[in-house]
C-alpha cells in the first residue's frame, strides 16, 4: 500500500502487510495536501489535485486553471514521473475513480464557494495511454463539490454522491456514464452527507455511511440500489463521524476506520458493517 504526501516534504512510503513494515520510497516531484490517488494499469499510482500548502478549503476562486501537474508512481522502478497537468485546479479533496477501460474520472475539489460558476461541476478524465486530460460533459444538478464520494458501479458507471457546497452538505446523487459521456440524475439520499464513507457491495448496491465536514454530523447509513434507483436505510454507525476511511473486506463486509468524532477530532474507532 502506497501512502504519499500530506507533509511538507512530499514524502511517500509503502506498507508491506506480510512483514508489517514501512519503507520510504522516492519523494514526489511536487509536495501536496488533500489530493486524490488511484491505481492505474501496470500497477502504477496516479496522484492528482491537492495543493502545495494546507488550506481552509472554501474560496470564491471559481474554476481556476490547475497549478499542479499530476504525477505517477511506478513501484517497479521506485520512481515518480510528472504527468500531464489537468485543466482545473482541485485543491480540496477531489475524487479519482478508475474506469473499466483504464481511464480515470476526476470529480470536484474546486474552490467554488460563492463563485459565479459554482453551479457547474467541471469534471475531467485522464487517459494513461496518451497522458492526456479531457473534460467531461458539464454536470449542473449539484454543482461544484468537495468531500463527496465517487463509486464505480458493477456496470462501469460511477455514482457521485453528497459533498459540500457553499459550506453545507447536500443529498444529491448523479451517475456518470463513461461510454456516452453523460450524467444522469438519480434519487436524493435520505440524509445530506459530506466526508462520508462509500463502498460497492458484492450484490451491486452501494453503502454510504456517516457524515461530518463542519458541524453537520451523522451516524446514519443507507444503501443505493442502481436497478431500482432507490435509497433505503440500514444500520447506523455507533456514533456520528466524518472523514471516514472505508475498505471492503474479502468476505464482503465493510470496515470503517477513523475519521473525526466530533468534526476535526481524530478517533481510533473502527467498525464493521455486515450486509444482509
C-alpha atoms as a PDB file:
ATOM      1  CA  UNK A   1       0.000   0.000   0.000  1.00  0.00           C
ATOM      2  CA  UNK A   2       1.347   3.408  -1.040  1.00  0.00           C
ATOM      3  CA  UNK A   3       0.899   6.444   1.230  1.00  0.00           C
ATOM      4  CA  UNK A   4       2.027   9.703  -0.370  1.00  0.00           C
ATOM      5  CA  UNK A   5       2.060  13.372   0.554  1.00  0.00           C
ATOM      6  CA  UNK A   6       0.266  15.229   3.313  1.00  0.00           C
ATOM      7  CA  UNK A   7       3.545  16.519   4.722  1.00  0.00           C
ATOM      8  CA  UNK A   8       5.888  19.452   3.935  1.00  0.00           C
ATOM      9  CA  UNK A   9       8.471  17.179   2.315  1.00  0.00           C
ATOM     10  CA  UNK A  10       6.259  15.381  -0.190  1.00  0.00           C
ATOM     11  CA  UNK A  11       7.478  12.036   1.098  1.00  0.00           C
ATOM     12  CA  UNK A  12       5.950   8.669   0.242  1.00  0.00           C
ATOM     13  CA  UNK A  13       6.206   5.225   1.760  1.00  0.00           C
ATOM     14  CA  UNK A  14       4.917   1.715   1.223  1.00  0.00           C
ATOM     15  CA  UNK A  15       3.396  -0.586   3.800  1.00  0.00           C
ATOM     16  CA  UNK A  16       4.057  -4.326   3.444  1.00  0.00           C
ATOM     17  CA  UNK A  17       1.401  -6.297   5.366  1.00  0.00           C
ATOM     18  CA  UNK A  18       3.382  -9.539   5.048  1.00  0.00           C
ATOM     19  CA  UNK A  19       6.220  -8.092   7.152  1.00  0.00           C
ATOM     20  CA  UNK A  20       4.221  -5.382   8.973  1.00  0.00           C
ATOM     21  CA  UNK A  21       6.792  -2.830   7.838  1.00  0.00           C
ATOM     22  CA  UNK A  22       7.045   0.601   6.203  1.00  0.00           C
ATOM     23  CA  UNK A  23       9.638   1.553   3.571  1.00  0.00           C
ATOM     24  CA  UNK A  24      10.347   5.046   2.290  1.00  0.00           C
ATOM     25  CA  UNK A  25      10.095   5.455  -1.482  1.00  0.00           C
ATOM     26  CA  UNK A  26      11.417   8.190  -3.708  1.00  0.00           C
ATOM     27  CA  UNK A  27       9.708  11.501  -2.835  1.00  0.00           C
ATOM     28  CA  UNK A  28       7.069  13.033  -5.074  1.00  0.00           C
ATOM     29  CA  UNK A  29       8.074  15.733  -7.525  1.00  0.00           C
ATOM     30  CA  UNK A  30       5.518  18.134  -6.019  1.00  0.00           C
ATOM     31  CA  UNK A  31       4.548  18.197  -2.372  1.00  0.00           C
ATOM     32  CA  UNK A  32       0.772  18.274  -1.897  1.00  0.00           C
ATOM     33  CA  UNK A  33      -2.065  18.018   0.603  1.00  0.00           C
ATOM     34  CA  UNK A  34      -5.705  16.897   0.142  1.00  0.00           C
ATOM     35  CA  UNK A  35      -5.047  15.204  -3.205  1.00  0.00           C
ATOM     36  CA  UNK A  36      -6.511  12.073  -4.796  1.00  0.00           C
ATOM     37  CA  UNK A  37      -4.731   8.804  -5.581  1.00  0.00           C
ATOM     38  CA  UNK A  38      -5.847   5.859  -7.705  1.00  0.00           C
ATOM     39  CA  UNK A  39      -4.361   2.637  -9.072  1.00  0.00           C
ATOM     40  CA  UNK A  40      -3.935   2.638 -12.865  1.00  0.00           C
ATOM     41  CA  UNK A  41      -2.865  -0.108 -15.316  1.00  0.00           C
ATOM     42  CA  UNK A  42       0.583  -1.603 -14.797  1.00  0.00           C
ATOM     43  CA  UNK A  43       0.383  -1.429 -11.011  1.00  0.00           C
ATOM     44  CA  UNK A  44       1.167   2.267 -11.067  1.00  0.00           C
ATOM     45  CA  UNK A  45      -0.493   5.010  -8.966  1.00  0.00           C
ATOM     46  CA  UNK A  46      -1.817   8.320 -10.298  1.00  0.00           C
ATOM     47  CA  UNK A  47      -1.718  11.316  -7.924  1.00  0.00           C
ATOM     48  CA  UNK A  48      -3.693  14.406  -8.899  1.00  0.00           C
ATOM     49  CA  UNK A  49      -5.146  17.546  -7.370  1.00  0.00           C
ATOM     50  CA  UNK A  50      -4.402  18.868  -3.929  1.00  0.00           C
ATOM     51  CA  UNK A  51      -2.385  21.904  -3.000  1.00  0.00           C
ATOM     52  CA  UNK A  52       1.219  22.619  -2.071  1.00  0.00           C
ATOM     53  CA  UNK A  53       0.127  24.264   1.199  1.00  0.00           C
ATOM     54  CA  UNK A  54      -2.660  23.437   3.615  1.00  0.00           C
ATOM     55  CA  UNK A  55      -5.810  25.494   3.022  1.00  0.00           C
ATOM     56  CA  UNK A  56      -9.144  26.141   4.708  1.00  0.00           C
ATOM     57  CA  UNK A  57     -10.928  24.762   1.676  1.00  0.00           C
ATOM     58  CA  UNK A  58     -13.535  27.360   0.721  1.00  0.00           C
ATOM     59  CA  UNK A  59     -12.734  30.293  -1.504  1.00  0.00           C
ATOM     60  CA  UNK A  60     -14.536  32.070  -4.381  1.00  0.00           C
ATOM     61  CA  UNK A  61     -11.877  31.283  -6.979  1.00  0.00           C
ATOM     62  CA  UNK A  62     -14.190  29.617  -9.464  1.00  0.00           C
ATOM     63  CA  UNK A  63     -12.923  27.096 -11.999  1.00  0.00           C
ATOM     64  CA  UNK A  64      -9.278  28.168 -11.854  1.00  0.00           C
ATOM     65  CA  UNK A  65      -6.543  26.683 -14.066  1.00  0.00           C
ATOM     66  CA  UNK A  66      -4.538  23.896 -12.447  1.00  0.00           C
ATOM     67  CA  UNK A  67      -1.291  24.838 -10.719  1.00  0.00           C
ATOM     68  CA  UNK A  68      -0.018  21.309 -10.017  1.00  0.00           C
ATOM     69  CA  UNK A  69       0.662  18.632 -12.621  1.00  0.00           C
ATOM     70  CA  UNK A  70      -0.408  15.078 -11.985  1.00  0.00           C
ATOM     71  CA  UNK A  71       2.289  12.505 -11.311  1.00  0.00           C
ATOM     72  CA  UNK A  72       2.602   8.740 -11.451  1.00  0.00           C
ATOM     73  CA  UNK A  73       4.443   6.382  -9.133  1.00  0.00           C
ATOM     74  CA  UNK A  74       5.928   3.197 -10.613  1.00  0.00           C
ATOM     75  CA  UNK A  75       6.744   0.624  -7.897  1.00  0.00           C
ATOM     76  CA  UNK A  76       8.861  -1.419 -10.315  1.00  0.00           C
ATOM     77  CA  UNK A  77      11.422   1.379 -10.617  1.00  0.00           C
ATOM     78  CA  UNK A  78      10.575   3.212  -7.368  1.00  0.00           C
ATOM     79  CA  UNK A  79      10.233   6.428  -9.365  1.00  0.00           C
ATOM     80  CA  UNK A  80       7.805   9.300  -9.871  1.00  0.00           C
ATOM     81  CA  UNK A  81       7.053  10.681 -13.333  1.00  0.00           C
ATOM     82  CA  UNK A  82       5.459  14.070 -13.930  1.00  0.00           C
ATOM     83  CA  UNK A  83       2.271  13.548 -15.944  1.00  0.00           C
ATOM     84  CA  UNK A  84       0.142  15.995 -17.900  1.00  0.00           C
ATOM     85  CA  UNK A  85      -1.420  18.878 -15.996  1.00  0.00           C
ATOM     86  CA  UNK A  86      -5.226  18.779 -15.711  1.00  0.00           C
ATOM     87  CA  UNK A  87      -7.261  21.742 -16.869  1.00  0.00           C
ATOM     88  CA  UNK A  88      -8.673  22.726 -13.470  1.00  0.00           C
ATOM     89  CA  UNK A  89      -7.261  23.400 -10.043  1.00  0.00           C
ATOM     90  CA  UNK A  90      -8.641  20.904  -7.469  1.00  0.00           C
ATOM     91  CA  UNK A  91      -7.033  21.791  -4.132  1.00  0.00           C
ATOM     92  CA  UNK A  92      -9.533  20.264  -1.713  1.00  0.00           C
ATOM     93  CA  UNK A  93     -10.418  16.556  -1.748  1.00  0.00           C
ATOM     94  CA  UNK A  94     -11.285  15.678  -5.350  1.00  0.00           C
ATOM     95  CA  UNK A  95     -12.123  12.042  -6.115  1.00  0.00           C
ATOM     96  CA  UNK A  96     -10.270   9.881  -8.644  1.00  0.00           C
ATOM     97  CA  UNK A  97     -12.052   6.745  -9.867  1.00  0.00           C
ATOM     98  CA  UNK A  98     -10.511   4.087 -12.119  1.00  0.00           C
ATOM     99  CA  UNK A  99     -12.839   3.275 -15.006  1.00  0.00           C
ATOM    100  CA  UNK A 100     -13.081  -0.140 -16.653  1.00  0.00           C
ATOM    101  CA  UNK A 101     -11.191   0.977 -19.758  1.00  0.00           C
ATOM    102  CA  UNK A 102      -8.164   2.124 -17.732  1.00  0.00           C
ATOM    103  CA  UNK A 103      -9.001   5.818 -17.745  1.00  0.00           C
ATOM    104  CA  UNK A 104      -9.583   7.823 -14.533  1.00  0.00           C
ATOM    105  CA  UNK A 105     -12.571  10.050 -13.716  1.00  0.00           C
ATOM    106  CA  UNK A 106     -11.678  13.036 -11.504  1.00  0.00           C
ATOM    107  CA  UNK A 107     -14.544  14.962  -9.901  1.00  0.00           C
ATOM    108  CA  UNK A 108     -14.802  18.006  -7.645  1.00  0.00           C
ATOM    109  CA  UNK A 109     -12.300  19.503  -5.243  1.00  0.00           C
ATOM    110  CA  UNK A 110     -12.503  23.009  -6.721  1.00  0.00           C
ATOM    111  CA  UNK A 111     -12.762  26.115  -4.541  1.00  0.00           C
ATOM    112  CA  UNK A 112     -16.062  27.419  -5.911  1.00  0.00           C
ATOM    113  CA  UNK A 113     -17.608  28.901  -2.746  1.00  0.00           C
ATOM    114  CA  UNK A 114     -19.719  31.897  -3.746  1.00  0.00           C
ATOM    115  CA  UNK A 115     -18.314  31.968  -7.298  1.00  0.00           C
ATOM    116  CA  UNK A 116     -20.368  32.751 -10.390  1.00  0.00           C
ATOM    117  CA  UNK A 117     -19.762  29.318 -11.948  1.00  0.00           C
ATOM    118  CA  UNK A 118     -20.241  27.072  -8.904  1.00  0.00           C
ATOM    119  CA  UNK A 119     -23.403  25.575 -10.427  1.00  0.00           C
ATOM    120  CA  UNK A 120     -21.233  23.747 -12.972  1.00  0.00           C
ATOM    121  CA  UNK A 121     -19.244  20.660 -11.994  1.00  0.00           C
ATOM    122  CA  UNK A 122     -16.200  20.609 -14.289  1.00  0.00           C
ATOM    123  CA  UNK A 123     -15.022  17.002 -14.189  1.00  0.00           C
ATOM    124  CA  UNK A 124     -12.150  15.508 -16.180  1.00  0.00           C
ATOM    125  CA  UNK A 125     -10.952  12.132 -17.444  1.00  0.00           C
ATOM    126  CA  UNK A 126      -7.266  11.161 -17.560  1.00  0.00           C
ATOM    127  CA  UNK A 127      -6.020   8.677 -20.164  1.00  0.00           C
ATOM    128  CA  UNK A 128      -2.767   6.980 -19.017  1.00  0.00           C
ATOM    129  CA  UNK A 129      -2.049   5.616 -22.508  1.00  0.00           C
ATOM    130  CA  UNK A 130      -1.934   9.034 -24.148  1.00  0.00           C
ATOM    131  CA  UNK A 131      -1.091  11.034 -20.988  1.00  0.00           C
ATOM    132  CA  UNK A 132      -3.923  13.429 -21.768  1.00  0.00           C
ATOM    133  CA  UNK A 133      -6.842  15.028 -19.933  1.00  0.00           C
ATOM    134  CA  UNK A 134     -10.285  15.676 -21.404  1.00  0.00           C
ATOM    135  CA  UNK A 135     -13.216  17.496 -19.846  1.00  0.00           C
ATOM    136  CA  UNK A 136     -16.432  15.532 -19.407  1.00  0.00           C
ATOM    137  CA  UNK A 137     -19.884  16.850 -20.148  1.00  0.00           C
ATOM    138  CA  UNK A 138     -20.789  19.534 -17.595  1.00  0.00           C
ATOM    139  CA  UNK A 139     -22.950  18.280 -14.717  1.00  0.00           C
ATOM    140  CA  UNK A 140     -25.180  21.037 -13.394  1.00  0.00           C
ATOM    141  CA  UNK A 141     -27.588  19.442 -10.927  1.00  0.00           C
ATOM    142  CA  UNK A 142     -25.484  19.538  -7.776  1.00  0.00           C
ATOM    143  CA  UNK A 143     -22.800  21.896  -8.964  1.00  0.00           C
ATOM    144  CA  UNK A 144     -19.257  22.015  -7.622  1.00  0.00           C
ATOM    145  CA  UNK A 145     -18.456  19.597  -4.804  1.00  0.00           C
ATOM    146  CA  UNK A 146     -15.894  18.869  -2.136  1.00  0.00           C
ATOM    147  CA  UNK A 147     -15.840  15.984   0.353  1.00  0.00           C
ATOM    148  CA  UNK A 148     -18.118  13.843  -1.839  1.00  0.00           C
ATOM    149  CA  UNK A 149     -17.746  10.192  -2.852  1.00  0.00           C
ATOM    150  CA  UNK A 150     -17.450   8.577  -6.284  1.00  0.00           C
ATOM    151  CA  UNK A 151     -18.094   4.824  -6.505  1.00  0.00           C
ATOM    152  CA  UNK A 152     -17.596   2.572  -9.536  1.00  0.00           C
ATOM    153  CA  UNK A 153     -20.740   0.516 -10.103  1.00  0.00           C
ATOM    154  CA  UNK A 154     -20.875  -3.033 -11.447  1.00  0.00           C
ATOM    155  CA  UNK A 155     -21.943  -1.835 -14.899  1.00  0.00           C
ATOM    156  CA  UNK A 156     -18.951   0.513 -15.190  1.00  0.00           C
ATOM    157  CA  UNK A 157     -20.828   3.719 -14.396  1.00  0.00           C
ATOM    158  CA  UNK A 158     -19.874   5.953 -11.441  1.00  0.00           C
ATOM    159  CA  UNK A 159     -22.165   7.073  -8.618  1.00  0.00           C
ATOM    160  CA  UNK A 160     -21.202  10.531  -7.308  1.00  0.00           C
ATOM    161  CA  UNK A 161     -22.980  11.349  -4.062  1.00  0.00           C
ATOM    162  CA  UNK A 162     -23.118  14.051  -1.426  1.00  0.00           C
ATOM    163  CA  UNK A 163     -20.401  16.539  -0.696  1.00  0.00           C
ATOM    164  CA  UNK A 164     -20.336  20.129   0.414  1.00  0.00           C
ATOM    165  CA  UNK A 165     -21.358  23.254  -1.484  1.00  0.00           C
ATOM    166  CA  UNK A 166     -21.448  26.777  -0.014  1.00  0.00           C
ATOM    167  CA  UNK A 167     -20.478  25.318   3.359  1.00  0.00           C
ATOM    168  CA  UNK A 168     -23.457  22.962   3.517  1.00  0.00           C
ATOM    169  CA  UNK A 169     -23.787  19.215   2.953  1.00  0.00           C
ATOM    170  CA  UNK A 170     -26.126  18.006   0.222  1.00  0.00           C
ATOM    171  CA  UNK A 171     -28.064  14.833  -0.525  1.00  0.00           C
ATOM    172  CA  UNK A 172     -27.739  14.972  -4.308  1.00  0.00           C
ATOM    173  CA  UNK A 173     -26.579  11.976  -6.308  1.00  0.00           C
ATOM    174  CA  UNK A 174     -25.801  11.546 -10.009  1.00  0.00           C
ATOM    175  CA  UNK A 175     -24.406   8.748 -12.157  1.00  0.00           C
ATOM    176  CA  UNK A 176     -21.714   9.276 -14.809  1.00  0.00           C
ATOM    177  CA  UNK A 177     -21.689   7.051 -17.899  1.00  0.00           C
ATOM    178  CA  UNK A 178     -18.161   6.984 -19.385  1.00  0.00           C
ATOM    179  CA  UNK A 179     -19.339   5.397 -22.653  1.00  0.00           C
ATOM    180  CA  UNK A 180     -21.847   8.137 -23.506  1.00  0.00           C
ATOM    181  CA  UNK A 181     -20.016  10.844 -21.512  1.00  0.00           C
ATOM    182  CA  UNK A 182     -23.269  11.778 -19.805  1.00  0.00           C
ATOM    183  CA  UNK A 183     -24.675  12.432 -16.326  1.00  0.00           C
ATOM    184  CA  UNK A 184     -27.988  11.059 -15.064  1.00  0.00           C
ATOM    185  CA  UNK A 185     -29.821  12.437 -12.051  1.00  0.00           C
ATOM    186  CA  UNK A 186     -30.809   9.756  -9.543  1.00  0.00           C
ATOM    187  CA  UNK A 187     -32.861   9.921  -6.362  1.00  0.00           C
ATOM    188  CA  UNK A 188     -31.601  12.016  -3.446  1.00  0.00           C
ATOM    189  CA  UNK A 189     -30.070  10.279  -0.470  1.00  0.00           C
ATOM    190  CA  UNK A 190     -32.194  10.177   2.667  1.00  0.00           C
ATOM    191  CA  UNK A 191     -29.544  12.229   4.512  1.00  0.00           C
ATOM    192  CA  UNK A 192     -27.283  15.060   3.339  1.00  0.00           C
ATOM    193  CA  UNK A 193     -23.685  13.878   3.666  1.00  0.00           C
ATOM    194  CA  UNK A 194     -20.127  15.123   3.315  1.00  0.00           C
ATOM    195  CA  UNK A 195     -16.903  13.436   4.354  1.00  0.00           C
ATOM    196  CA  UNK A 196     -18.825  10.165   4.400  1.00  0.00           C
ATOM    197  CA  UNK A 197     -17.743   6.637   3.510  1.00  0.00           C
ATOM    198  CA  UNK A 198     -18.885   4.693   0.447  1.00  0.00           C
ATOM    199  CA  UNK A 199     -18.325   1.136  -0.746  1.00  0.00           C
ATOM    200  CA  UNK A 200     -19.730  -1.062  -3.512  1.00  0.00           C
ATOM    201  CA  UNK A 201     -21.234  -4.208  -2.015  1.00  0.00           C
ATOM    202  CA  UNK A 202     -20.993  -7.671  -3.529  1.00  0.00           C
ATOM    203  CA  UNK A 203     -24.617  -7.625  -4.710  1.00  0.00           C
ATOM    204  CA  UNK A 204     -24.188  -4.375  -6.664  1.00  0.00           C
ATOM    205  CA  UNK A 205     -25.688  -1.960  -4.143  1.00  0.00           C
ATOM    206  CA  UNK A 206     -23.652   0.938  -2.718  1.00  0.00           C
ATOM    207  CA  UNK A 207     -23.312   1.525   1.035  1.00  0.00           C
ATOM    208  CA  UNK A 208     -22.936   5.151   2.197  1.00  0.00           C
ATOM    209  CA  UNK A 209     -22.445   5.979   5.861  1.00  0.00           C
ATOM    210  CA  UNK A 210     -21.591   8.761   8.265  1.00  0.00           C
ATOM    211  CA  UNK A 211     -21.125  12.480   7.633  1.00  0.00           C
ATOM    212  CA  UNK A 212     -19.151  15.359   9.061  1.00  0.00           C
ATOM    213  CA  UNK A 213     -17.389  18.306   7.393  1.00  0.00           C
ATOM    214  CA  UNK A 214     -18.078  21.307   9.609  1.00  0.00           C
ATOM    215  CA  UNK A 215     -20.853  20.693  12.117  1.00  0.00           C
ATOM    216  CA  UNK A 216     -23.461  18.589  10.305  1.00  0.00           C
ATOM    217  CA  UNK A 217     -22.569  15.151  11.636  1.00  0.00           C
ATOM    218  CA  UNK A 218     -24.468  11.897  11.195  1.00  0.00           C
ATOM    219  CA  UNK A 219     -24.098   8.238  12.153  1.00  0.00           C
ATOM    220  CA  UNK A 220     -26.771   7.081   9.719  1.00  0.00           C
ATOM    221  CA  UNK A 221     -26.181   4.700   6.831  1.00  0.00           C
ATOM    222  CA  UNK A 222     -28.074   3.827   3.675  1.00  0.00           C
ATOM    223  CA  UNK A 223     -27.744   1.719   0.543  1.00  0.00           C
ATOM    224  CA  UNK A 224     -28.388   2.701  -3.070  1.00  0.00           C
ATOM    225  CA  UNK A 225     -29.867   0.160  -5.470  1.00  0.00           C
ATOM    226  CA  UNK A 226     -28.897   1.182  -9.039  1.00  0.00           C
ATOM    227  CA  UNK A 227     -31.507  -1.163 -10.504  1.00  0.00           C
ATOM    228  CA  UNK A 228     -34.472   0.462  -8.772  1.00  0.00           C
ATOM    229  CA  UNK A 229     -32.937   3.939  -8.270  1.00  0.00           C
ATOM    230  CA  UNK A 230     -33.880   3.678  -4.616  1.00  0.00           C
ATOM    231  CA  UNK A 231     -32.163   4.538  -1.329  1.00  0.00           C
ATOM    232  CA  UNK A 232     -33.052   2.612   1.804  1.00  0.00           C
ATOM    233  CA  UNK A 233     -31.844   2.959   5.383  1.00  0.00           C
ATOM    234  CA  UNK A 234     -29.633   0.345   7.055  1.00  0.00           C
ATOM    235  CA  UNK A 235     -27.987   0.046  10.473  1.00  0.00           C
ATOM    236  CA  UNK A 236     -26.174   3.172  11.656  1.00  0.00           C
ATOM    237  CA  UNK A 237     -22.644   3.632  12.953  1.00  0.00           C
ATOM    238  CA  UNK A 238     -22.253   3.630  16.723  1.00  0.00           C
ATOM    239  CA  UNK A 239     -21.536   7.388  16.721  1.00  0.00           C
ATOM    240  CA  UNK A 240     -21.614  10.285  14.225  1.00  0.00           C
ATOM    241  CA  UNK A 241     -18.348  10.845  12.369  1.00  0.00           C
ATOM    242  CA  UNK A 242     -16.951  12.105   9.073  1.00  0.00           C
ATOM    243  CA  UNK A 243     -13.718  11.847   7.051  1.00  0.00           C
ATOM    244  CA  UNK A 244     -14.053   8.072   7.272  1.00  0.00           C
ATOM    245  CA  UNK A 245     -11.702   5.646   5.518  1.00  0.00           C
ATOM    246  CA  UNK A 246     -13.512   2.515   4.367  1.00  0.00           C
ATOM    247  CA  UNK A 247     -12.417  -0.830   2.930  1.00  0.00           C
ATOM    248  CA  UNK A 248     -14.459  -3.737   1.591  1.00  0.00           C
ATOM    249  CA  UNK A 249     -13.125  -6.937   3.118  1.00  0.00           C
ATOM    250  CA  UNK A 250     -12.693 -10.283   1.377  1.00  0.00           C
ATOM    251  CA  UNK A 251     -15.872 -11.662   2.949  1.00  0.00           C
ATOM    252  CA  UNK A 252     -17.985  -8.740   1.715  1.00  0.00           C
ATOM    253  CA  UNK A 253     -18.082  -6.811   4.992  1.00  0.00           C
ATOM    254  CA  UNK A 254     -17.179  -3.104   5.073  1.00  0.00           C
ATOM    255  CA  UNK A 255     -14.577  -1.825   7.533  1.00  0.00           C
ATOM    256  CA  UNK A 256     -14.930   1.816   8.632  1.00  0.00           C
ATOM    257  CA  UNK A 257     -11.784   3.355  10.101  1.00  0.00           C
ATOM    258  CA  UNK A 258     -11.066   6.569  11.976  1.00  0.00           C
ATOM    259  CA  UNK A 259     -12.355   9.962  10.946  1.00  0.00           C
ATOM    260  CA  UNK A 260     -13.474  12.869  13.098  1.00  0.00           C
ATOM    261  CA  UNK A 261     -15.698  12.392  16.142  1.00  0.00           C
ATOM    262  CA  UNK A 262     -16.646  15.209  16.604  1.00  0.00           C
ATOM    263  CA  UNK A 263     -15.512  17.104  13.488  1.00  0.00           C
ATOM    264  CA  UNK A 264     -11.721  17.616  13.333  1.00  0.00           C
ATOM    265  CA  UNK A 265     -11.205  15.478  16.433  1.00  0.00           C
ATOM    266  CA  UNK A 266      -9.445  12.302  15.255  1.00  0.00           C
ATOM    267  CA  UNK A 267     -10.731   8.966  16.507  1.00  0.00           C
ATOM    268  CA  UNK A 268      -9.259   5.454  16.511  1.00  0.00           C
ATOM    269  CA  UNK A 269     -12.710   3.846  16.327  1.00  0.00           C
ATOM    270  CA  UNK A 270     -13.153   1.000  13.809  1.00  0.00           C
ATOM    271  CA  UNK A 271     -16.442  -0.697  12.951  1.00  0.00           C
ATOM    272  CA  UNK A 272     -17.530  -3.462  10.575  1.00  0.00           C
ATOM    273  CA  UNK A 273     -20.767  -3.476   8.587  1.00  0.00           C
ATOM    274  CA  UNK A 274     -22.185  -6.851   7.596  1.00  0.00           C
ATOM    275  CA  UNK A 275     -24.514  -6.670   4.568  1.00  0.00           C
ATOM    276  CA  UNK A 276     -27.794  -8.557   4.709  1.00  0.00           C
END
